[in-house]
Amino acid sequence: MFFISDELARESDVTVSTYVTSQAEYKGFSTYVISCIFLFVWLSWSVLPDSILNKLGVYYYPSRWWALAIPSYVLVLMMYTYVGLALYNIEVATVKLDDPRTIVDDSGVIITELPGFNQDKIDEYLFNSTSGIWDLPIHEVNKVLYSDEY
């Protein structure tokens, strides 16, 4: 039999958790069994006629209207939740366009604020690609984009 070595996985910097609780198999199996029983009972209640349910000893049960209403309500609730979260992210969690946080952030390093920076060398940074570490001051970028100085 041919075995594939996991040597590359062990040498990588990605760590995979091997911590599994001792009861994980039992919890998964019991969840599976309970959900299957629930599905079987729900389908039996929604499909079987009253006479068969009465023969099985079930005399009191909700109206069959709920067999379609509950899944429909859950589906509509899921759709409203999806739309609500999208609207929340757009309207509340997104900063306005005139907010300064759309231009700069706390982790950015503006090159003109570095110690020992010579203001005369700003052209070297304006017309070359940045290293990905430094940010250019917005007023210098605006000069290049919107004025005739350069």
N, C-alpha and C. Protein backbone atom coordinates (compact mmCIF):
# COMPACT_ATOMS: atom_id res chain seq x y z
N MET A 1 0.84 -1.17 0.00
CA MET A 1 0.00 0.00 0.00
C MET A 1 0.89 1.24 0.00
N PHE A 2 0.48 2.27 -0.70
CA PHE A 2 1.25 3.49 -0.86
C PHE A 2 0.77 4.53 0.15
N PHE A 3 1.68 5.05 0.98
CA PHE A 3 1.35 6.06 1.96
C PHE A 3 1.96 7.39 1.56
N ILE A 4 1.21 8.45 1.71
CA ILE A 4 1.70 9.79 1.41
C ILE A 4 2.24 10.40 2.70
N SER A 5 3.43 10.93 2.63
CA SER A 5 4.06 11.51 3.81
C SER A 5 3.44 12.87 4.13
N ASP A 6 3.36 13.18 5.40
CA ASP A 6 2.87 14.49 5.81
C ASP A 6 4.02 15.40 6.22
N GLU A 7 5.19 15.14 5.66
CA GLU A 7 6.38 15.91 6.01
C GLU A 7 6.22 17.38 5.66
N LEU A 8 5.65 17.69 4.48
CA LEU A 8 5.47 19.09 4.09
C LEU A 8 4.50 19.80 5.02
N ALA A 9 3.47 19.11 5.44
CA ALA A 9 2.51 19.72 6.36
C ALA A 9 3.15 20.00 7.71
N ARG A 10 4.01 19.12 8.16
CA ARG A 10 4.66 19.32 9.45
C ARG A 10 5.68 20.46 9.39
N GLU A 11 6.28 20.69 8.23
CA GLU A 11 7.28 21.74 8.09
C GLU A 11 6.66 23.11 7.84
N SER A 12 5.39 23.17 7.47
CA SER A 12 4.78 24.46 7.16
C SER A 12 4.53 25.25 8.43
N ASP A 13 4.27 26.54 8.25
CA ASP A 13 4.01 27.38 9.40
C ASP A 13 2.53 27.40 9.78
N VAL A 14 1.72 26.65 9.09
CA VAL A 14 0.30 26.56 9.41
C VAL A 14 0.12 25.51 10.49
N THR A 15 -0.55 25.89 11.55
CA THR A 15 -0.79 24.94 12.62
C THR A 15 -2.21 24.42 12.54
N VAL A 16 -2.34 23.15 12.68
CA VAL A 16 -3.65 22.51 12.66
C VAL A 16 -3.90 21.96 14.05
N SER A 17 -5.04 22.31 14.59
CA SER A 17 -5.35 21.86 15.93
C SER A 17 -5.70 20.38 15.92
N THR A 18 -5.11 19.66 16.83
CA THR A 18 -5.43 18.25 16.98
C THR A 18 -6.26 18.02 18.24
N TYR A 19 -6.70 19.11 18.86
CA TYR A 19 -7.48 18.99 20.08
C TYR A 19 -8.92 18.66 19.73
N VAL A 20 -9.35 17.49 20.11
CA VAL A 20 -10.73 17.04 19.90
C VAL A 20 -11.22 16.54 21.25
N THR A 21 -12.39 17.01 21.63
CA THR A 21 -12.91 16.56 22.92
C THR A 21 -13.22 15.07 22.87
N SER A 22 -13.19 14.45 24.01
CA SER A 22 -13.40 13.01 24.06
C SER A 22 -14.85 12.64 23.75
N GLN A 23 -15.75 13.58 23.88
CA GLN A 23 -17.17 13.29 23.66
C GLN A 23 -17.66 13.76 22.29
N ALA A 24 -16.76 14.20 21.41
CA ALA A 24 -17.17 14.78 20.14
C ALA A 24 -17.94 13.79 19.27
N GLU A 25 -17.50 12.54 19.24
CA GLU A 25 -18.19 11.55 18.41
C GLU A 25 -19.60 11.30 18.92
N TYR A 26 -19.74 11.24 20.23
CA TYR A 26 -21.06 10.96 20.81
C TYR A 26 -22.01 12.13 20.60
N LYS A 27 -21.49 13.35 20.73
CA LYS A 27 -22.33 14.53 20.51
C LYS A 27 -22.78 14.60 19.05
N GLY A 28 -21.87 14.35 18.13
CA GLY A 28 -22.23 14.38 16.72
C GLY A 28 -23.23 13.30 16.36
N PHE A 29 -23.02 12.10 16.87
CA PHE A 29 -23.93 11.00 16.58
C PHE A 29 -25.31 11.26 17.18
N SER A 30 -25.35 11.73 18.42
CA SER A 30 -26.66 11.98 19.04
C SER A 30 -27.39 13.12 18.34
N THR A 31 -26.68 14.14 17.90
CA THR A 31 -27.32 15.22 17.15
C THR A 31 -27.90 14.70 15.84
N TYR A 32 -27.15 13.84 15.18
CA TYR A 32 -27.63 13.24 13.93
C TYR A 32 -28.88 12.40 14.16
N VAL A 33 -28.86 11.57 15.19
CA VAL A 33 -30.01 10.70 15.47
C VAL A 33 -31.24 11.52 15.86
N ILE A 34 -31.05 12.52 16.71
CA ILE A 34 -32.18 13.35 17.14
C ILE A 34 -32.77 14.12 15.96
N SER A 35 -31.92 14.65 15.09
CA SER A 35 -32.45 15.39 13.94
C SER A 35 -33.17 14.45 12.97
N CYS A 36 -32.69 13.23 12.81
CA CYS A 36 -33.39 12.26 11.95
C CYS A 36 -34.75 11.88 12.54
N ILE A 37 -34.79 11.67 13.86
CA ILE A 37 -36.07 11.35 14.51
C ILE A 37 -37.04 12.51 14.36
N PHE A 38 -36.57 13.73 14.57
CA PHE A 38 -37.42 14.91 14.43
C PHE A 38 -37.95 15.02 13.00
N LEU A 39 -37.10 14.79 12.01
CA LEU A 39 -37.53 14.85 10.61
C LEU A 39 -38.58 13.78 10.32
N PHE A 40 -38.36 12.58 10.82
CA PHE A 40 -39.32 11.49 10.60
C PHE A 40 -40.67 11.81 11.24
N VAL A 41 -40.66 12.32 12.47
CA VAL A 41 -41.92 12.68 13.15
C VAL A 41 -42.61 13.81 12.41
N TRP A 42 -41.86 14.81 11.98
CA TRP A 42 -42.46 15.95 11.28
C TRP A 42 -43.07 15.52 9.95
N LEU A 43 -42.33 14.69 9.19
CA LEU A 43 -42.87 14.21 7.91
C LEU A 43 -44.09 13.31 8.13
N SER A 44 -44.05 12.46 9.15
CA SER A 44 -45.19 11.59 9.44
C SER A 44 -46.42 12.42 9.80
N TRP A 45 -46.24 13.42 10.65
CA TRP A 45 -47.36 14.27 11.05
C TRP A 45 -47.92 15.05 9.86
N SER A 46 -47.05 15.50 8.96
CA SER A 46 -47.53 16.34 7.87
C SER A 46 -48.11 15.53 6.72
N VAL A 47 -47.75 14.26 6.58
CA VAL A 47 -48.17 13.48 5.42
C VAL A 47 -49.27 12.47 5.74
N LEU A 48 -49.17 11.81 6.89
CA LEU A 48 -50.12 10.74 7.20
C LEU A 48 -51.52 11.29 7.46
N PRO A 49 -52.54 10.56 7.04
CA PRO A 49 -53.91 11.01 7.32
C PRO A 49 -54.26 10.83 8.80
N ASP A 50 -55.36 11.48 9.20
CA ASP A 50 -55.77 11.45 10.60
C ASP A 50 -56.05 10.03 11.09
N SER A 51 -56.62 9.19 10.24
CA SER A 51 -56.98 7.84 10.68
C SER A 51 -55.75 7.03 11.09
N ILE A 52 -54.66 7.17 10.36
CA ILE A 52 -53.45 6.42 10.70
C ILE A 52 -52.82 6.99 11.98
N LEU A 53 -52.83 8.31 12.12
CA LEU A 53 -52.30 8.90 13.35
C LEU A 53 -53.13 8.47 14.56
N ASN A 54 -54.45 8.37 14.38
CA ASN A 54 -55.30 7.93 15.49
C ASN A 54 -55.03 6.47 15.83
N LYS A 55 -54.76 5.63 14.83
CA LYS A 55 -54.42 4.22 15.09
C LYS A 55 -53.10 4.10 15.84
N LEU A 56 -52.21 5.06 15.61
CA LEU A 56 -50.92 5.06 16.32
C LEU A 56 -51.04 5.63 17.73
N GLY A 57 -52.22 6.12 18.08
CA GLY A 57 -52.43 6.65 19.43
C GLY A 57 -52.20 8.14 19.53
N VAL A 58 -52.07 8.80 18.42
CA VAL A 58 -51.87 10.25 18.42
C VAL A 58 -53.20 10.90 18.08
N TYR A 59 -53.79 11.58 19.08
CA TYR A 59 -55.09 12.20 18.87
C TYR A 59 -55.01 13.72 18.89
N TYR A 60 -54.03 14.25 19.57
CA TYR A 60 -53.92 15.70 19.65
C TYR A 60 -52.62 16.12 18.98
N TYR A 61 -52.73 16.92 17.95
CA TYR A 61 -51.57 17.42 17.22
C TYR A 61 -51.96 18.74 16.58
N PRO A 62 -50.99 19.56 16.25
CA PRO A 62 -51.31 20.86 15.63
C PRO A 62 -51.90 20.69 14.24
N SER A 63 -52.48 21.75 13.77
CA SER A 63 -53.04 21.76 12.42
C SER A 63 -51.92 21.54 11.40
N ARG A 64 -52.26 20.91 10.29
CA ARG A 64 -51.25 20.64 9.27
C ARG A 64 -50.80 21.92 8.56
N TRP A 65 -51.53 22.97 8.77
CA TRP A 65 -51.13 24.25 8.21
C TRP A 65 -49.74 24.64 8.71
N TRP A 66 -49.44 24.27 9.95
CA TRP A 66 -48.14 24.59 10.54
C TRP A 66 -47.00 23.81 9.89
N ALA A 67 -47.31 22.70 9.23
CA ALA A 67 -46.26 21.93 8.56
C ALA A 67 -45.63 22.72 7.43
N LEU A 68 -46.39 23.61 6.83
CA LEU A 68 -45.84 24.48 5.80
C LEU A 68 -45.51 25.87 6.33
N ALA A 69 -46.25 26.31 7.34
CA ALA A 69 -46.06 27.66 7.84
C ALA A 69 -44.72 27.83 8.55
N ILE A 70 -44.36 26.87 9.39
CA ILE A 70 -43.11 27.01 10.16
C ILE A 70 -41.89 27.04 9.25
N PRO A 71 -41.73 26.11 8.30
CA PRO A 71 -40.57 26.24 7.40
C PRO A 71 -40.60 27.51 6.56
N SER A 72 -41.80 27.95 6.18
CA SER A 72 -41.89 29.19 5.42
C SER A 72 -41.47 30.38 6.27
N TYR A 73 -41.92 30.42 7.52
CA TYR A 73 -41.53 31.50 8.41
C TYR A 73 -40.02 31.50 8.65
N VAL A 74 -39.45 30.33 8.81
CA VAL A 74 -38.00 30.23 9.02
C VAL A 74 -37.25 30.73 7.79
N LEU A 75 -37.72 30.37 6.61
CA LEU A 75 -37.07 30.82 5.38
C LEU A 75 -37.17 32.34 5.22
N VAL A 76 -38.34 32.89 5.49
CA VAL A 76 -38.50 34.35 5.39
C VAL A 76 -37.66 35.05 6.45
N LEU A 77 -37.58 34.48 7.65
CA LEU A 77 -36.75 35.06 8.69
C LEU A 77 -35.27 35.05 8.28
N MET A 78 -34.84 33.97 7.64
CA MET A 78 -33.47 33.92 7.16
C MET A 78 -33.21 34.98 6.09
N MET A 79 -34.18 35.18 5.20
CA MET A 79 -34.01 36.21 4.16
C MET A 79 -33.97 37.60 4.79
N TYR A 80 -34.87 37.88 5.74
CA TYR A 80 -34.86 39.18 6.42
C TYR A 80 -33.56 39.39 7.18
N THR A 81 -33.04 38.35 7.79
CA THR A 81 -31.77 38.46 8.51
C THR A 81 -30.65 38.79 7.54
N TYR A 82 -30.63 38.13 6.41
CA TYR A 82 -29.59 38.39 5.40
C TYR A 82 -29.66 39.84 4.91
N VAL A 83 -30.85 40.29 4.58
CA VAL A 83 -31.01 41.67 4.10
C VAL A 83 -30.71 42.66 5.22
N GLY A 84 -31.15 42.35 6.43
CA GLY A 84 -30.90 43.23 7.56
C GLY A 84 -29.41 43.38 7.86
N LEU A 85 -28.68 42.28 7.82
CA LEU A 85 -27.24 42.36 8.05
C LEU A 85 -26.53 43.13 6.94
N ALA A 86 -26.97 42.94 5.71
CA ALA A 86 -26.37 43.70 4.61
C ALA A 86 -26.64 45.19 4.78
N LEU A 87 -27.87 45.54 5.13
CA LEU A 87 -28.19 46.96 5.34
C LEU A 87 -27.43 47.53 6.53
N TYR A 88 -27.30 46.76 7.59
CA TYR A 88 -26.54 47.23 8.75
C TYR A 88 -25.09 47.50 8.36
N ASN A 89 -24.49 46.58 7.62
CA ASN A 89 -23.10 46.77 7.21
C ASN A 89 -22.93 47.98 6.32
N ILE A 90 -23.92 48.26 5.48
CA ILE A 90 -23.81 49.40 4.57
C ILE A 90 -24.11 50.70 5.29
N GLU A 91 -25.17 50.73 6.07
CA GLU A 91 -25.63 51.99 6.65
C GLU A 91 -24.97 52.35 7.97
N VAL A 92 -24.63 51.37 8.78
CA VAL A 92 -24.12 51.66 10.12
C VAL A 92 -22.62 51.40 10.24
N ALA A 93 -22.18 50.26 9.78
CA ALA A 93 -20.79 49.87 9.99
C ALA A 93 -19.81 50.52 9.01
N THR A 94 -20.30 51.07 7.91
CA THR A 94 -19.43 51.72 6.94
C THR A 94 -19.32 53.20 7.28
N VAL A 95 -18.09 53.70 7.29
CA VAL A 95 -17.90 55.12 7.59
C VAL A 95 -18.33 55.95 6.38
N LYS A 96 -18.70 57.19 6.64
CA LYS A 96 -19.14 58.10 5.58
C LYS A 96 -17.95 58.46 4.69
N LEU A 97 -18.24 58.89 3.48
CA LEU A 97 -17.16 59.20 2.53
C LEU A 97 -16.33 60.40 2.95
N ASP A 98 -16.90 61.32 3.72
CA ASP A 98 -16.12 62.47 4.15
C ASP A 98 -15.41 62.24 5.48
N ASP A 99 -15.44 61.03 5.98
CA ASP A 99 -14.75 60.69 7.22
C ASP A 99 -13.25 60.52 6.94
N PRO A 100 -12.39 61.07 7.77
CA PRO A 100 -10.94 60.93 7.54
C PRO A 100 -10.46 59.48 7.60
N ARG A 101 -11.23 58.60 8.22
CA ARG A 101 -10.80 57.20 8.30
C ARG A 101 -10.83 56.50 6.95
N THR A 102 -11.46 57.11 5.93
CA THR A 102 -11.42 56.50 4.60
C THR A 102 -10.10 56.77 3.90
N ILE A 103 -9.32 57.71 4.43
CA ILE A 103 -8.05 58.07 3.80
C ILE A 103 -6.86 57.55 4.59
N VAL A 104 -6.87 57.74 5.90
CA VAL A 104 -5.76 57.31 6.74
C VAL A 104 -6.27 56.41 7.85
N ASP A 105 -5.35 55.68 8.44
CA ASP A 105 -5.70 54.86 9.59
C ASP A 105 -4.58 54.96 10.62
N ASP A 106 -4.82 54.34 11.77
CA ASP A 106 -3.85 54.44 12.86
C ASP A 106 -2.59 53.64 12.61
N SER A 107 -2.66 52.62 11.78
CA SER A 107 -1.49 51.77 11.58
C SER A 107 -0.62 52.23 10.41
N GLY A 108 -1.06 53.22 9.67
CA GLY A 108 -0.28 53.71 8.54
C GLY A 108 0.90 54.55 9.00
N VAL A 109 1.99 54.50 8.25
CA VAL A 109 3.17 55.30 8.55
C VAL A 109 3.32 56.31 7.43
N ILE A 110 3.08 57.57 7.74
CA ILE A 110 3.22 58.62 6.74
C ILE A 110 4.69 58.97 6.63
N ILE A 111 5.18 58.96 5.42
CA ILE A 111 6.62 59.05 5.21
C ILE A 111 7.19 60.39 5.65
N THR A 112 6.41 61.45 5.58
CA THR A 112 6.93 62.76 5.99
C THR A 112 7.07 62.87 7.50
N GLU A 113 6.46 61.96 8.24
CA GLU A 113 6.56 61.99 9.70
C GLU A 113 7.71 61.14 10.23
N LEU A 114 8.44 60.49 9.34
CA LEU A 114 9.58 59.69 9.78
C LEU A 114 10.73 60.60 10.19
N PRO A 115 11.48 60.22 11.22
CA PRO A 115 12.62 61.07 11.62
C PRO A 115 13.70 61.08 10.54
N GLY A 116 14.24 62.25 10.30
CA GLY A 116 15.31 62.38 9.32
C GLY A 116 14.83 62.47 7.88
N PHE A 117 13.53 62.65 7.66
CA PHE A 117 13.02 62.75 6.29
C PHE A 117 13.29 64.14 5.75
N ASN A 118 13.78 64.21 4.52
CA ASN A 118 14.05 65.48 3.86
C ASN A 118 12.88 65.79 2.94
N GLN A 119 12.24 66.94 3.14
CA GLN A 119 11.05 67.31 2.37
C GLN A 119 11.37 67.49 0.89
N ASP A 120 12.62 67.77 0.56
CA ASP A 120 12.99 67.96 -0.84
C ASP A 120 12.96 66.65 -1.62
N LYS A 121 12.98 65.52 -0.93
CA LYS A 121 13.00 64.22 -1.60
C LYS A 121 11.60 63.63 -1.78
N ILE A 122 10.57 64.43 -1.60
CA ILE A 122 9.21 63.91 -1.71
C ILE A 122 8.91 63.42 -3.12
N ASP A 123 9.54 64.04 -4.13
CA ASP A 123 9.31 63.62 -5.51
C ASP A 123 9.77 62.19 -5.77
N GLU A 124 10.77 61.74 -5.05
CA GLU A 124 11.24 60.36 -5.22
C GLU A 124 10.16 59.36 -4.82
N TYR A 125 9.35 59.75 -3.86
CA TYR A 125 8.31 58.85 -3.38
C TYR A 125 7.00 59.01 -4.15
N LEU A 126 6.77 60.20 -4.70
CA LEU A 126 5.50 60.44 -5.38
C LEU A 126 5.40 59.70 -6.71
N PHE A 127 6.47 59.59 -7.43
CA PHE A 127 6.41 59.03 -8.77
C PHE A 127 6.99 57.62 -8.85
N ASN A 128 7.26 57.01 -7.73
CA ASN A 128 7.73 55.63 -7.69
C ASN A 128 6.76 54.81 -6.85
N SER A 129 6.80 53.52 -7.05
CA SER A 129 5.92 52.68 -6.25
C SER A 129 6.42 52.63 -4.81
N THR A 130 5.47 52.59 -3.90
CA THR A 130 5.85 52.53 -2.49
C THR A 130 6.20 51.10 -2.12
N SER A 131 6.82 50.96 -0.99
CA SER A 131 7.22 49.62 -0.55
C SER A 131 6.08 48.88 0.11
N GLY A 132 4.94 49.51 0.26
CA GLY A 132 3.83 48.88 0.93
C GLY A 132 3.82 49.14 2.41
N ILE A 133 4.85 49.81 2.89
CA ILE A 133 4.94 50.10 4.32
C ILE A 133 4.59 51.56 4.59
N TRP A 134 4.92 52.44 3.68
CA TRP A 134 4.73 53.86 3.90
C TRP A 134 3.52 54.37 3.15
N ASP A 135 2.85 55.34 3.74
CA ASP A 135 1.76 56.05 3.08
C ASP A 135 2.25 57.42 2.68
N LEU A 136 1.73 57.91 1.58
CA LEU A 136 2.06 59.27 1.15
C LEU A 136 1.05 60.23 1.76
N PRO A 137 1.49 61.43 2.12
CA PRO A 137 0.54 62.41 2.66
C PRO A 137 -0.52 62.76 1.62
N ILE A 138 -1.75 62.90 2.06
CA ILE A 138 -2.84 63.13 1.12
C ILE A 138 -2.71 64.46 0.39
N HIS A 139 -2.15 65.47 1.04
CA HIS A 139 -2.01 66.76 0.35
C HIS A 139 -0.99 66.67 -0.77
N GLU A 140 0.04 65.83 -0.63
CA GLU A 140 1.00 65.65 -1.72
C GLU A 140 0.37 64.87 -2.87
N VAL A 141 -0.43 63.89 -2.55
CA VAL A 141 -1.12 63.13 -3.60
C VAL A 141 -2.09 64.03 -4.35
N ASN A 142 -2.80 64.88 -3.62
CA ASN A 142 -3.73 65.81 -4.26
C ASN A 142 -3.01 66.80 -5.16
N LYS A 143 -1.81 67.23 -4.76
CA LYS A 143 -1.03 68.13 -5.62
C LYS A 143 -0.72 67.46 -6.96
N VAL A 144 -0.33 66.18 -6.89
CA VAL A 144 0.02 65.47 -8.12
C VAL A 144 -1.22 65.24 -8.98
N LEU A 145 -2.32 64.89 -8.35
CA LEU A 145 -3.51 64.56 -9.12
C LEU A 145 -4.27 65.77 -9.64
N TYR A 146 -4.32 66.84 -8.85
CA TYR A 146 -5.26 67.91 -9.17
C TYR A 146 -4.62 69.28 -9.40
N SER A 147 -3.32 69.37 -9.43
CA SER A 147 -2.73 70.69 -9.68
C SER A 147 -1.75 70.59 -10.84
N ASP A 148 -1.31 71.75 -11.28
CA ASP A 148 -0.38 71.81 -12.41
C ASP A 148 1.06 71.95 -11.95
N GLU A 149 1.34 71.75 -10.66
CA GLU A 149 2.70 71.90 -10.15
C GLU A 149 3.64 70.83 -10.70
N TYR A 150 3.16 69.63 -10.91
CA TYR A 150 4.03 68.53 -11.33
C TYR A 150 3.83 68.20 -12.77
